[in-house]
Amino acid sequence: MAKKILVTAFEPFGGRAENPTLRVLAVLKAPPGARLLKARLPVEGRSVGKKIEALLARLKPDLLISLGLAAGEAAIRVERFGLNVADYGIKDNAGWRPEGEKLDPSGPAAYAVTIDPRELSAACRRAGAPAYVSNHAGGYVCNTLMYRAMRAIDKAGMKTKYAFIHIPVSTEMALKEKPGKNISPSLPLALMAAAVRSAIKEAAK
C-alpha cells in the first residue's frame, strides 16, 4: 500500500500578500511509492489545532510535514521541538495575541518531532539549499501547529511521523519589496521547492 504523506502550508499573514509555503506546496509531487495529500491552514491559533486534528482523523497519514514561513531567515530551518506555549509577537489573522499561555494545560511541556531533523536538513542541503536544525519554532502559530499536531497524534495513539520545516521569504517576494528598505533575506522559490522535495523523499524512506 502506498505511503500517505500529508503536507500543510499556511495562508499569508503579517501584512504580506503571499506566503511562499503555499507556492512550494503547489509544485510538490509525491515521491515514488507514495501518495501526496495537501492542505492549506489558517494563521489562527485558536482554530489551527482543530483543523489539523480533523485532517489527521480523516486522512490518517503515515507522514505529516508542516511548512511555515520564517521571515528574516537566510536558510531553511528544520525544527526539533514544539513547545506548550502560545506567545505571539504579533496578532494572528483572527486578531488573537496571547502572552505566555499554555496550549494544553494537561499536556507535556514539549514534544519532539518524530522524523530526524538532522536527516531532513541534510537532504535540503543536498538539494543545494542552506539548511540547519533549530531547537524550536518560536511562540507563534507555527509552534501552535507543531504542538497541536503532535499532541493529537499522541492522544489518538497514531503512528503518524511528524516534521516541521521553516522556509525563508522567497526571492520573488523580496524583489517586490520597496527599494530603500532593509530587504528580507531570501531564497529562490524553485530552490526551496527542490529542498522540500528532497526532505520529503528522505522522510518517506
Protein backbone atom coordinates (compact mmCIF):
# COMPACT_ATOMS: atom_id res chain seq x y z
CA MET A 1 0.00 0.00 0.00
CA ALA A 2 1.28 3.46 -0.91
CA LYS A 3 2.53 5.57 1.98
CA LYS A 4 0.28 8.59 2.64
CA ILE A 5 2.14 11.87 3.11
CA LEU A 6 0.23 14.97 4.21
CA VAL A 7 1.98 18.32 3.68
CA THR A 8 0.49 21.52 5.07
CA ALA A 9 1.20 25.17 4.30
CA PHE A 10 -0.07 28.43 5.75
CA GLU A 11 -2.12 31.29 4.33
CA PRO A 12 -0.49 34.76 4.12
CA PHE A 13 -0.10 36.70 7.36
CA GLY A 14 1.67 39.66 8.95
CA GLY A 15 0.65 42.08 6.22
CA ARG A 16 2.25 40.07 3.40
CA ALA A 17 0.21 39.39 0.28
CA GLU A 18 1.54 35.88 -0.15
CA ASN A 19 3.13 33.02 1.74
CA PRO A 20 5.89 31.07 -0.03
CA THR A 21 4.84 27.86 1.71
CA LEU A 22 1.73 27.80 -0.49
CA ARG A 23 3.85 28.28 -3.62
CA VAL A 24 6.11 25.42 -2.60
CA LEU A 25 3.12 23.23 -1.71
CA ALA A 26 1.57 23.83 -5.14
CA VAL A 27 4.52 22.33 -7.03
CA LEU A 28 5.21 19.32 -4.79
CA LYS A 29 4.72 15.84 -6.20
CA ALA A 30 4.61 12.51 -4.44
CA PRO A 31 7.87 10.57 -4.21
CA PRO A 32 7.83 7.08 -5.81
CA GLY A 33 5.60 4.65 -3.95
CA ALA A 34 3.76 7.35 -2.01
CA ARG A 35 0.53 9.34 -2.18
CA LEU A 36 0.81 13.08 -1.51
CA LEU A 37 -2.00 14.97 0.20
CA LYS A 38 -2.01 18.75 0.62
CA ALA A 39 -3.77 21.19 2.94
CA ARG A 40 -3.83 24.97 3.45
CA LEU A 41 -4.09 26.08 7.08
CA PRO A 42 -5.19 29.37 8.67
CA VAL A 43 -2.77 31.54 10.64
CA GLU A 44 -5.19 31.48 13.55
CA GLY A 45 -4.01 29.98 16.82
CA ARG A 46 -7.45 29.07 18.13
CA SER A 47 -8.54 27.19 15.01
CA VAL A 48 -5.37 25.68 13.54
CA GLY A 49 -5.33 22.90 16.15
CA LYS A 50 -8.87 21.84 15.32
CA LYS A 51 -8.04 21.91 11.61
CA ILE A 52 -5.02 19.65 11.96
CA GLU A 53 -6.84 17.29 14.34
CA ALA A 54 -9.63 16.89 11.78
CA LEU A 55 -7.17 16.28 8.95
CA LEU A 56 -5.31 13.66 10.96
CA ALA A 57 -8.52 11.87 11.94
CA ARG A 58 -9.87 11.87 8.39
CA LEU A 59 -6.74 11.15 6.35
CA LYS A 60 -4.66 9.09 8.82
CA PRO A 61 -1.37 9.90 7.08
CA ASP A 62 1.82 7.92 7.60
CA LEU A 63 3.80 11.16 7.50
CA LEU A 64 2.78 14.73 8.31
CA ILE A 65 5.15 17.50 7.24
CA SER A 66 4.24 21.10 8.01
CA LEU A 67 5.72 24.09 6.19
CA GLY A 68 5.97 27.53 7.77
CA LEU A 69 7.40 30.93 6.88
CA ALA A 70 10.31 32.28 8.94
CA ALA A 71 10.74 35.81 7.59
CA GLY A 72 14.21 37.17 8.31
CA GLU A 73 15.91 33.80 7.96
CA ALA A 74 18.52 33.27 5.26
CA ALA A 75 18.29 29.47 5.33
CA ILE A 76 15.79 26.65 5.68
CA ARG A 77 15.16 25.73 9.32
CA VAL A 78 14.11 22.23 10.33
CA GLU A 79 12.53 22.30 13.78
CA ARG A 80 13.19 19.89 16.64
CA PHE A 81 10.61 20.70 19.38
CA GLY A 82 7.05 22.01 19.60
CA LEU A 83 6.51 23.89 22.88
CA ASN A 84 3.40 24.03 25.04
CA VAL A 85 3.14 27.80 24.85
CA ALA A 86 1.39 30.48 22.79
CA ASP A 87 3.35 33.73 22.97
CA TYR A 88 2.62 35.76 19.85
CA GLY A 89 4.78 38.75 18.96
CA ILE A 90 2.05 39.95 16.57
CA LYS A 91 -1.66 39.27 16.28
CA ASP A 92 -2.69 36.22 14.28
CA ASN A 93 -5.11 36.58 11.36
CA ALA A 94 -8.08 36.43 13.75
CA GLY A 95 -6.67 39.22 15.92
CA TRP A 96 -5.57 36.96 18.79
CA ARG A 97 -2.30 37.73 20.59
CA PRO A 98 -1.74 35.50 23.64
CA GLU A 99 1.14 36.16 26.00
CA GLY A 100 2.71 33.06 27.51
CA GLU A 101 -0.46 30.94 27.57
CA LYS A 102 -0.30 27.15 27.69
CA LEU A 103 -1.66 25.47 24.59
CA ASP A 104 -2.81 22.47 26.64
CA PRO A 105 -2.79 22.74 30.46
CA SER A 106 -2.75 18.94 30.75
CA GLY A 107 -0.13 18.34 28.07
CA PRO A 108 3.66 17.92 28.35
CA ALA A 109 5.96 20.95 28.18
CA ALA A 110 7.18 19.94 24.71
CA TYR A 111 7.04 17.30 22.01
CA ALA A 112 10.00 16.25 19.89
CA VAL A 113 9.39 15.67 16.19
CA THR A 114 9.45 12.04 15.13
CA ILE A 115 11.31 12.46 11.83
CA ASP A 116 15.01 13.19 12.47
CA PRO A 117 15.53 16.91 11.70
CA ARG A 118 19.24 16.32 11.05
CA GLU A 119 18.40 13.98 8.17
CA LEU A 120 15.89 16.41 6.67
CA SER A 121 18.33 19.31 7.00
CA ALA A 122 20.99 17.26 5.23
CA ALA A 123 18.50 16.40 2.48
CA CYS A 124 17.78 20.10 1.95
CA ARG A 125 21.49 20.82 1.67
CA ARG A 126 21.93 18.01 -0.85
CA ALA A 127 19.38 19.85 -2.99
CA GLY A 128 21.62 22.94 -2.87
CA ALA A 129 19.81 24.96 -0.20
CA PRO A 130 21.39 26.18 3.05
CA ALA A 131 19.62 24.50 5.94
CA TYR A 132 20.08 23.85 9.64
CA VAL A 133 18.33 22.33 12.64
CA SER A 134 16.55 24.70 15.02
CA ASN A 135 15.60 23.61 18.53
CA HIS A 136 12.14 25.19 18.47
CA ALA A 137 9.78 27.10 16.22
CA GLY A 138 9.27 30.15 18.43
CA GLY A 139 5.97 31.03 20.10
CA TYR A 140 3.75 31.98 17.14
CA VAL A 141 1.21 29.95 15.14
CA CYS A 142 3.86 27.69 13.60
CA ASN A 143 4.70 26.42 17.07
CA THR A 144 0.99 26.17 17.90
CA LEU A 145 0.52 23.91 14.88
CA MET A 146 3.55 21.80 15.78
CA TYR A 147 2.42 21.22 19.33
CA ARG A 148 -1.26 20.66 18.47
CA ALA A 149 -0.37 18.19 15.71
CA MET A 150 1.93 16.12 17.91
CA ARG A 151 -0.50 16.31 20.83
CA ALA A 152 -3.30 14.99 18.60
CA ILE A 153 -1.08 12.17 17.29
CA ASP A 154 -0.10 11.25 20.84
CA LYS A 155 -3.62 11.31 22.30
CA ALA A 156 -5.05 9.26 19.44
CA GLY A 157 -2.24 6.70 19.60
CA MET A 158 -1.48 7.23 15.91
CA LYS A 159 1.70 6.06 14.23
CA THR A 160 1.97 9.21 12.09
CA LYS A 161 5.53 10.59 11.92
CA TYR A 162 5.86 14.38 12.10
CA ALA A 163 8.26 17.11 10.94
CA PHE A 164 8.18 20.88 10.59
CA ILE A 165 10.19 22.85 8.03
CA HIS A 166 10.52 26.64 8.13
CA ILE A 167 11.42 28.38 4.86
CA PRO A 168 12.54 31.98 4.30
CA VAL A 169 10.86 34.65 2.22
CA SER A 170 11.21 33.76 -1.46
CA THR A 171 13.49 35.87 -3.65
CA GLU A 172 10.46 36.54 -5.81
CA MET A 173 8.73 38.09 -2.79
CA ALA A 174 11.84 40.05 -1.80
CA LEU A 175 12.07 41.59 -5.26
CA LYS A 176 8.61 43.09 -4.74
CA GLU A 177 9.70 44.90 -1.58
CA LYS A 178 10.23 48.63 -1.97
CA PRO A 179 13.80 49.74 -2.79
CA GLY A 180 15.46 51.64 0.03
CA LYS A 181 14.07 49.34 2.71
CA ASN A 182 16.02 46.64 4.50
CA ILE A 183 15.21 43.83 2.05
CA SER A 184 14.37 40.46 3.60
CA PRO A 185 16.90 37.62 3.32
CA SER A 186 15.54 35.17 0.78
CA LEU A 187 15.99 32.03 -1.28
CA PRO A 188 14.63 31.37 -4.80
CA LEU A 189 11.27 29.62 -4.80
CA ALA A 190 12.50 26.85 -7.12
CA LEU A 191 15.42 26.10 -4.80
CA MET A 192 13.18 25.92 -1.74
CA ALA A 193 10.78 23.63 -3.58
CA ALA A 194 13.66 21.34 -4.55
CA ALA A 195 14.88 21.30 -0.95
CA VAL A 196 11.45 20.42 0.43
CA ARG A 197 11.03 17.70 -2.21
CA SER A 198 14.39 16.25 -1.14
CA ALA A 199 13.34 16.36 2.53
CA ILE A 200 10.04 14.62 1.80
CA LYS A 201 11.83 11.92 -0.19
CA GLU A 202 14.19 11.39 2.76
CA ALA A 203 11.31 11.26 5.24
CA ALA A 204 9.44 8.70 3.11
CA LYS A 205 12.30 6.19 3.13
